[in-house]
Protein backbone atom coordinates (compact mmCIF):
# COMPACT_ATOMS: atom_id res chain seq x y z
CA UNK A 1 37.99 16.99 64.08
CA UNK A 2 39.54 14.49 66.10
CA UNK A 3 36.70 12.01 66.35
CA UNK A 4 36.15 12.63 62.65
CA UNK A 5 39.98 11.37 61.83
CA UNK A 6 39.35 8.34 64.40
CA UNK A 7 36.31 7.67 62.64
CA UNK A 8 38.05 7.71 58.87
CA UNK A 9 41.18 5.98 60.46
CA UNK A 10 38.97 2.84 61.83
CA UNK A 11 36.95 3.06 58.53
CA UNK A 12 39.76 2.22 56.38
CA UNK A 13 41.39 -0.15 58.61
CA UNK A 14 38.04 -1.80 58.91
CA UNK A 15 38.12 -1.78 54.71
CA UNK A 16 41.91 -3.11 54.62
CA UNK A 17 40.93 -6.00 57.29
CA UNK A 18 38.01 -7.37 54.97
CA UNK A 19 39.41 -6.84 51.40
CA UNK A 20 42.84 -7.03 51.94
CA UNK A 21 43.03 -10.87 52.25
CA UNK A 22 41.05 -10.77 49.25
CA UNK A 23 43.21 -8.56 47.17
CA UNK A 24 46.32 -10.99 47.78
CA UNK A 25 43.94 -13.73 46.88
CA UNK A 26 43.44 -12.57 43.70
CA UNK A 27 47.09 -11.24 43.41
CA UNK A 28 48.43 -14.52 44.08
CA UNK A 29 46.10 -16.57 41.64
CA UNK A 30 48.11 -15.06 38.84
CA UNK A 31 51.54 -16.07 40.43
CA UNK A 32 53.43 -19.15 39.25
CA UNK A 33 54.67 -20.32 42.63
CA UNK A 34 53.04 -22.83 44.93
CA UNK A 35 52.15 -22.66 47.79
CA UNK A 36 50.39 -19.04 46.74
CA UNK A 37 52.59 -16.27 47.49
CA UNK A 38 52.62 -12.46 46.82
CA UNK A 39 56.10 -11.85 48.36
CA UNK A 40 57.82 -14.35 46.15
CA UNK A 41 57.02 -13.83 42.70
CA UNK A 42 57.83 -16.48 39.85
CA UNK A 43 56.37 -15.25 36.68
CA UNK A 44 52.65 -14.29 35.76
CA UNK A 45 50.52 -17.06 34.75
CA UNK A 46 47.13 -18.26 33.99
CA UNK A 47 47.68 -22.06 34.42
CA UNK A 48 45.80 -22.18 37.72
CA UNK A 49 42.50 -21.12 35.95
CA UNK A 50 43.34 -23.18 32.70
CA UNK A 51 43.28 -26.59 35.15
CA UNK A 52 39.71 -27.38 34.66
CA UNK A 53 40.05 -27.37 30.86
CA UNK A 54 43.54 -27.86 29.79
CA UNK A 55 44.38 -31.12 28.30
CA UNK A 56 45.43 -34.22 30.10
CA UNK A 57 49.34 -34.26 28.92
CA UNK A 58 49.36 -30.37 30.08
CA UNK A 59 48.07 -31.41 33.44
CA UNK A 60 50.52 -34.44 33.71
CA UNK A 61 53.54 -32.07 33.07
CA UNK A 62 53.08 -29.78 35.87
CA UNK A 63 54.20 -30.76 39.02
CA UNK A 64 51.70 -29.32 41.05
CA UNK A 65 48.59 -29.56 38.93
CA UNK A 66 49.01 -33.47 38.53
CA UNK A 67 48.87 -33.97 42.14
CA UNK A 68 45.16 -32.64 42.22
CA UNK A 69 42.75 -35.11 40.85
CA UNK A 70 40.51 -33.07 38.57
CA UNK A 71 38.05 -35.35 37.69
CA UNK A 72 36.86 -35.39 41.85
CA UNK A 73 37.27 -31.57 41.86
CA UNK A 74 34.63 -31.46 39.04
CA UNK A 75 32.46 -34.00 40.49
CA UNK A 76 32.13 -32.17 43.85
CA UNK A 77 31.50 -28.91 42.22
CA UNK A 78 28.72 -30.80 40.58
CA UNK A 79 27.34 -32.36 43.79
CA UNK A 80 27.46 -28.67 44.94
CA UNK A 81 24.88 -27.62 42.45
CA UNK A 82 22.90 -30.97 42.84
CA UNK A 83 22.55 -30.20 46.38
CA UNK A 84 21.72 -26.31 46.11
CA UNK A 85 19.12 -27.03 43.25
CA UNK A 86 16.92 -29.23 45.77
CA UNK A 87 18.19 -26.87 48.89
CA UNK A 88 17.09 -23.62 47.34
CA UNK A 89 13.40 -24.40 46.37
CA UNK A 90 12.79 -26.31 49.90
CA UNK A 91 14.14 -23.54 51.74
CA UNK A 92 11.88 -21.61 49.92
CA UNK A 93 8.68 -23.26 50.61
CA UNK A 94 9.45 -23.68 54.29
CA UNK A 95 10.77 -20.40 54.62
CA UNK A 96 7.75 -18.97 52.99
CA UNK A 97 5.02 -21.41 55.20
CA UNK A 98 6.98 -20.02 58.20
CA UNK A 99 6.69 -16.31 57.25
CA UNK A 100 3.15 -16.63 56.23
CA UNK A 101 2.71 -18.53 59.89
CA UNK A 102 4.02 -15.94 61.93
CA UNK A 103 3.11 -13.00 60.29
CA UNK A 104 -0.94 -14.17 59.41
CA UNK A 105 -1.47 -16.34 62.29
CA UNK A 106 -2.46 -14.32 65.22
CA UNK A 107 -1.60 -16.51 68.46
CA UNK A 108 0.03 -16.85 71.91
CA UNK A 109 1.88 -19.55 70.82
CA UNK A 110 3.85 -17.18 68.33
CA UNK A 111 6.44 -16.51 70.27
CA UNK A 112 7.18 -19.90 70.78
CA UNK A 113 7.02 -20.81 67.13
CA UNK A 114 9.26 -17.84 66.38
CA UNK A 115 11.95 -19.48 68.34
CA UNK A 116 11.32 -23.32 67.23
CA UNK A 117 11.81 -22.16 63.76
CA UNK A 118 14.72 -19.94 64.06
CA UNK A 119 16.76 -22.32 66.28
CA UNK A 120 18.24 -24.23 63.56
CA UNK A 121 19.92 -21.05 62.74
CA UNK A 122 21.50 -20.81 65.97
CA UNK A 123 22.59 -24.09 66.34
CA UNK A 124 26.19 -24.92 65.76
CA UNK A 125 26.73 -26.47 62.33
CA UNK A 126 28.52 -29.67 63.64
CA UNK A 127 25.50 -30.25 65.66
CA UNK A 128 23.22 -30.25 62.66
CA UNK A 129 25.42 -32.43 61.09
CA UNK A 130 25.66 -34.86 63.24
CA UNK A 131 22.07 -34.80 64.16
CA UNK A 132 21.02 -35.41 60.89
CA UNK A 133 23.61 -38.07 60.26
CA UNK A 134 22.13 -39.94 63.50
CA UNK A 135 18.33 -39.36 62.77
CA UNK A 136 18.88 -40.94 58.68
CA UNK A 137 20.98 -43.41 59.57
CA UNK A 138 18.65 -44.94 62.09
CA UNK A 139 16.13 -44.76 59.35
CA UNK A 140 18.50 -46.88 57.38
CA UNK A 141 19.53 -43.77 54.95
CA UNK A 142 23.19 -43.81 54.38
CA UNK A 143 25.19 -40.48 54.86
CA UNK A 144 25.27 -38.71 51.33
CA UNK A 145 24.14 -35.99 49.22
CA UNK A 146 20.67 -36.41 50.99
CA UNK A 147 21.67 -36.28 54.30
CA UNK A 148 23.50 -33.11 53.01
CA UNK A 149 20.38 -31.87 51.84
CA UNK A 150 18.73 -32.39 54.81
CA UNK A 151 21.28 -30.81 57.08
CA UNK A 152 21.21 -27.61 55.02
CA UNK A 153 17.80 -27.01 54.62
CA UNK A 154 17.18 -27.40 58.59
CA UNK A 155 18.94 -24.20 58.71
CA UNK A 156 18.93 -22.41 55.49
CA UNK A 157 15.27 -22.54 55.43
CA UNK A 158 15.49 -19.56 58.45
CA UNK A 159 17.00 -17.27 55.80
CA UNK A 160 14.52 -16.85 53.41
CA UNK A 161 11.61 -17.08 56.48
CA UNK A 162 13.29 -14.14 57.86
CA UNK A 163 13.29 -12.01 54.24
CA UNK A 164 9.73 -13.17 53.58
CA UNK A 165 8.60 -11.55 57.11
CA UNK A 166 10.29 -8.50 56.49
CA UNK A 167 8.07 -7.97 53.19
CA UNK A 168 5.20 -9.41 54.63
CA UNK A 169 5.04 -7.34 57.22
CA UNK A 170 4.75 -4.34 55.03
CA UNK A 171 1.81 -5.63 52.96
CA UNK A 172 -1.20 -4.10 53.66
CA UNK A 173 -3.17 -6.71 55.02
CA UNK A 174 -6.35 -4.56 54.53
CA UNK A 175 -5.88 -5.72 50.81
CA UNK A 176 -6.16 -9.77 51.42
CA UNK A 177 -9.03 -9.21 53.64
CA UNK A 178 -10.92 -7.08 50.91
CA UNK A 179 -10.20 -9.64 48.32
CA UNK A 180 -11.61 -12.29 50.75
CA UNK A 181 -14.66 -10.22 51.44
CA UNK A 182 -15.66 -9.87 47.57
CA UNK A 183 -15.40 -13.70 47.33
CA UNK A 184 -11.85 -14.63 46.64
CA UNK A 185 -10.87 -18.03 47.79
CA UNK A 186 -7.43 -17.83 49.97
CA UNK A 187 -5.32 -19.73 47.38
CA UNK A 188 -6.53 -17.00 44.76
CA UNK A 189 -5.58 -14.08 47.25
CA UNK A 190 -2.25 -15.41 47.81
CA UNK A 191 -1.94 -15.78 44.11
CA UNK A 192 -2.80 -13.00 42.77
CA UNK A 193 -1.95 -10.77 45.33
CA UNK A 194 0.61 -11.92 48.27
CA UNK A 195 2.83 -14.28 45.64
CA UNK A 196 3.42 -10.89 43.47
CA UNK A 197 4.24 -8.97 46.19
CA UNK A 198 6.67 -11.38 47.30
CA UNK A 199 8.59 -11.72 44.18
CA UNK A 200 11.43 -9.65 44.86
CA UNK A 201 12.47 -10.91 48.20
CA UNK A 202 11.57 -14.60 46.81
CA UNK A 203 14.53 -13.79 44.45
CA UNK A 204 17.03 -12.09 47.09
CA UNK A 205 16.08 -15.53 49.35
CA UNK A 206 16.81 -17.84 46.80
CA UNK A 207 20.13 -16.05 45.83
CA UNK A 208 21.04 -15.94 49.51
CA UNK A 209 20.03 -19.65 50.11
CA UNK A 210 21.96 -20.45 47.29
CA UNK A 211 25.38 -18.78 48.50
CA UNK A 212 24.71 -20.37 51.60
CA UNK A 213 24.16 -23.97 50.67
CA UNK A 214 27.48 -23.64 48.25
CA UNK A 215 29.66 -22.17 51.03
CA UNK A 216 28.49 -24.30 53.63
CA UNK A 217 31.22 -26.23 55.43
CA UNK A 218 30.71 -27.22 59.03
CA UNK A 219 27.10 -29.01 58.45
CA UNK A 220 27.92 -30.54 55.10
CA UNK A 221 31.08 -32.28 56.55
CA UNK A 222 29.34 -34.15 59.56
CA UNK A 223 26.85 -35.15 56.90
CA UNK A 224 28.39 -35.89 53.83
CA UNK A 225 29.66 -39.48 54.27
CA UNK A 226 31.81 -40.42 51.69
CA UNK A 227 30.85 -37.97 49.40
CA UNK A 228 31.64 -34.45 48.48
CA UNK A 229 31.23 -30.53 47.75
CA UNK A 230 32.99 -27.87 46.54
CA UNK A 231 33.64 -26.43 50.21
CA UNK A 232 34.64 -29.76 51.54
CA UNK A 233 36.84 -30.56 48.92
CA UNK A 234 38.72 -26.96 48.85
CA UNK A 235 38.48 -27.75 52.95
CA UNK A 236 40.41 -31.08 52.09
CA UNK A 237 42.88 -29.47 49.87
CA UNK A 238 43.49 -26.16 51.98
CA UNK A 239 44.61 -28.81 54.98
CA UNK A 240 47.40 -29.97 52.92
CA UNK A 241 50.68 -29.50 55.26
CA UNK A 242 52.72 -28.59 52.15
CA UNK A 243 50.21 -25.21 51.60
CA UNK A 244 47.36 -25.35 49.24
CA UNK A 245 47.50 -25.39 45.77
CA UNK A 246 46.89 -22.16 43.93
CA UNK A 247 43.87 -23.46 42.48
CA UNK A 248 42.01 -22.76 45.52
CA UNK A 249 42.85 -19.26 44.88
CA UNK A 250 41.81 -19.21 41.04
CA UNK A 251 38.02 -20.50 42.48
CA UNK A 252 38.04 -18.13 44.54
CA UNK A 253 38.99 -14.87 42.45
CA UNK A 254 36.17 -16.80 39.94
CA UNK A 255 33.61 -16.77 42.54
CA UNK A 256 34.42 -12.90 43.36
CA UNK A 257 34.11 -12.03 40.01
CA UNK A 258 30.69 -13.48 39.33
CA UNK A 259 29.70 -11.85 42.63
CA UNK A 260 30.60 -8.50 41.45
CA UNK A 261 29.01 -8.82 37.97
CA UNK A 262 25.98 -10.06 39.21
CA UNK A 263 25.72 -7.37 41.72
CA UNK A 264 26.78 -4.64 39.13
CA UNK A 265 23.86 -6.34 36.82
CA UNK A 266 21.46 -6.23 39.55
CA UNK A 267 22.18 -2.33 40.45
CA UNK A 268 22.17 -1.75 36.43
CA UNK A 269 18.65 -3.14 36.30
CA UNK A 270 17.16 -1.42 39.38
CA UNK A 271 18.45 1.74 37.79
CA UNK A 272 17.07 0.95 34.74
CA UNK A 273 13.49 0.32 36.09
CA UNK A 274 13.99 3.40 38.14
CA UNK A 275 14.41 5.50 35.22
CA UNK A 276 11.44 3.60 33.33
CA UNK A 277 9.25 4.84 36.11
């Protein structure tokens, strides 16, 4: 009984430690106080959310919001989507190539290739960002969105590779061998057998790659030059010595809401498919 109580207490402590700050962030995003606070309540407000579409006159009239460059914030958010729009497909292609290579090519060099392909994931983000900056700078490419894309892709591609490897290792190789014996070309086998089998893993890998790109800060910070992304802009706003503006809490709450809704929708669709079977 004692061990069960100890485990229960530990579980609750872990949940509070993980989700307590998120709950406080959500609550403070509706508090008319800056810096954000849950102990000093100045009234319920939604202006931290309305910041993105409120009229310019109302924005200028607020002492907190007028200090924030809305155009730059929206531009940085757009840059994050542009970067992710290229990083995700690149990471999927590279991850797929690495997964197929490691699962289908039998060689003594597989162990070495495994560590080579995974090494970017293990390297500190600062090192990846600086190395991308130096490498492309030597080639005459100035730091910006391109170097951000290259730096992020080097390590984000490892996530799809691991996910696709796990899926490929469960696929019966005999199906591919039988198709080849019956005269199908390797490309046709891949297109008609392997790719459909990998479809669920590809979707999961794309979601994870997108999230990794949007939230990345360390690598992006050292490779961005004069550009910005949502993560770097929030980081800059968070370093305000007088406290970060509550708009950051509103953005965080929106991200949490979108994540929860997407998760519930995915669970609903899975259950619906299960009942259909």
